[in-house]
């Protein structure tokens, strides 16, 4: 897998996870306490760490292509 493909995959995952975190269905699950409220925190952590990983990969893509 090329570095740019990894970054693209991470980006797609980020967009999908962010959509779940912002969805009314997810908010309802949290509000109605049907799942552990910590799940919202964990999902936020996933987004944070995925964003950090994307930043690390972006540097490599920039180096490989001379720009981003």
C-alpha atoms as a PDB file:
ATOM      1  CA  UNK A   1       0.000   0.000   0.000  1.00  0.00           C
ATOM      2  CA  UNK A   2       1.405   3.401  -0.986  1.00  0.00           C
ATOM      3  CA  UNK A   3       1.766   6.096   1.649  1.00  0.00           C
ATOM      4  CA  UNK A   4      -0.859   8.252  -0.048  1.00  0.00           C
ATOM      5  CA  UNK A   5      -3.241   5.277   0.033  1.00  0.00           C
ATOM      6  CA  UNK A   6      -2.706   4.913   3.771  1.00  0.00           C
ATOM      7  CA  UNK A   7      -3.456   8.597   4.274  1.00  0.00           C
ATOM      8  CA  UNK A   8      -6.543   8.303   2.076  1.00  0.00           C
ATOM      9  CA  UNK A   9      -7.754   5.294   4.075  1.00  0.00           C
ATOM     10  CA  UNK A  10      -7.194   7.110   7.387  1.00  0.00           C
ATOM     11  CA  UNK A  11      -9.045  10.137   6.031  1.00  0.00           C
ATOM     12  CA  UNK A  12     -12.001   8.025   4.944  1.00  0.00           C
ATOM     13  CA  UNK A  13     -12.130   6.361   8.365  1.00  0.00           C
ATOM     14  CA  UNK A  14     -11.979   9.753  10.063  1.00  0.00           C
ATOM     15  CA  UNK A  15     -14.875  11.105   7.987  1.00  0.00           C
ATOM     16  CA  UNK A  16     -16.999   8.026   8.681  1.00  0.00           C
ATOM     17  CA  UNK A  17     -16.278   7.987  12.425  1.00  0.00           C
ATOM     18  CA  UNK A  18     -16.944  11.718  12.661  1.00  0.00           C
ATOM     19  CA  UNK A  19     -20.293  11.177  10.907  1.00  0.00           C
ATOM     20  CA  UNK A  20     -21.217   8.556  13.506  1.00  0.00           C
ATOM     21  CA  UNK A  21     -20.179  10.833  16.367  1.00  0.00           C
ATOM     22  CA  UNK A  22     -22.390  13.619  15.003  1.00  0.00           C
ATOM     23  CA  UNK A  23     -25.355  11.438  14.073  1.00  0.00           C
ATOM     24  CA  UNK A  24     -28.652  11.820  15.908  1.00  0.00           C
ATOM     25  CA  UNK A  25     -28.771   8.052  16.429  1.00  0.00           C
ATOM     26  CA  UNK A  26     -25.429   8.073  18.261  1.00  0.00           C
ATOM     27  CA  UNK A  27     -26.466  11.087  20.319  1.00  0.00           C
ATOM     28  CA  UNK A  28     -29.701   9.318  21.229  1.00  0.00           C
ATOM     29  CA  UNK A  29     -27.839   6.189  22.370  1.00  0.00           C
ATOM     30  CA  UNK A  30     -25.707   8.331  24.653  1.00  0.00           C
ATOM     31  CA  UNK A  31     -28.592  10.479  25.917  1.00  0.00           C
ATOM     32  CA  UNK A  32     -30.816   7.522  26.708  1.00  0.00           C
ATOM     33  CA  UNK A  33     -27.943   5.759  28.456  1.00  0.00           C
ATOM     34  CA  UNK A  34     -28.400   2.677  26.272  1.00  0.00           C
ATOM     35  CA  UNK A  35     -24.627   2.453  26.051  1.00  0.00           C
ATOM     36  CA  UNK A  36     -21.870   3.418  28.435  1.00  0.00           C
ATOM     37  CA  UNK A  37     -21.552   7.225  28.353  1.00  0.00           C
ATOM     38  CA  UNK A  38     -17.781   6.748  28.207  1.00  0.00           C
ATOM     39  CA  UNK A  39     -18.310   5.553  24.643  1.00  0.00           C
ATOM     40  CA  UNK A  40     -18.630   9.182  23.524  1.00  0.00           C
ATOM     41  CA  UNK A  41     -15.279   9.956  25.145  1.00  0.00           C
ATOM     42  CA  UNK A  42     -13.693   6.899  23.552  1.00  0.00           C
ATOM     43  CA  UNK A  43     -15.017   7.867  20.128  1.00  0.00           C
ATOM     44  CA  UNK A  44     -13.569  11.351  20.588  1.00  0.00           C
ATOM     45  CA  UNK A  45     -10.249   9.772  21.543  1.00  0.00           C
ATOM     46  CA  UNK A  46     -10.309   7.633  18.399  1.00  0.00           C
ATOM     47  CA  UNK A  47     -10.803  10.740  16.266  1.00  0.00           C
ATOM     48  CA  UNK A  48      -8.018  12.558  18.097  1.00  0.00           C
ATOM     49  CA  UNK A  49      -5.499   9.743  17.684  1.00  0.00           C
ATOM     50  CA  UNK A  50      -6.508   9.074  14.087  1.00  0.00           C
ATOM     51  CA  UNK A  51      -5.986  12.763  13.315  1.00  0.00           C
ATOM     52  CA  UNK A  52      -2.559  12.593  14.962  1.00  0.00           C
ATOM     53  CA  UNK A  53      -1.643   9.517  12.904  1.00  0.00           C
ATOM     54  CA  UNK A  54      -2.804  11.284   9.752  1.00  0.00           C
ATOM     55  CA  UNK A  55      -0.531  14.203  10.591  1.00  0.00           C
ATOM     56  CA  UNK A  56       2.434  11.864  10.859  1.00  0.00           C
ATOM     57  CA  UNK A  57       1.645  10.256   7.512  1.00  0.00           C
ATOM     58  CA  UNK A  58       1.069  13.644   5.847  1.00  0.00           C
ATOM     59  CA  UNK A  59       4.687  14.577   6.565  1.00  0.00           C
ATOM     60  CA  UNK A  60       5.834  11.469   4.699  1.00  0.00           C
ATOM     61  CA  UNK A  61       3.519  12.197   1.760  1.00  0.00           C
ATOM     62  CA  UNK A  62       4.845  15.764   1.632  1.00  0.00           C
ATOM     63  CA  UNK A  63       8.421  14.450   1.625  1.00  0.00           C
ATOM     64  CA  UNK A  64       7.678  11.889  -1.090  1.00  0.00           C
ATOM     65  CA  UNK A  65       5.967  14.390  -3.377  1.00  0.00           C
ATOM     66  CA  UNK A  66       7.842  17.557  -2.469  1.00  0.00           C
ATOM     67  CA  UNK A  67       4.536  19.119  -1.513  1.00  0.00           C
ATOM     68  CA  UNK A  68       1.121  18.258  -0.168  1.00  0.00           C
END
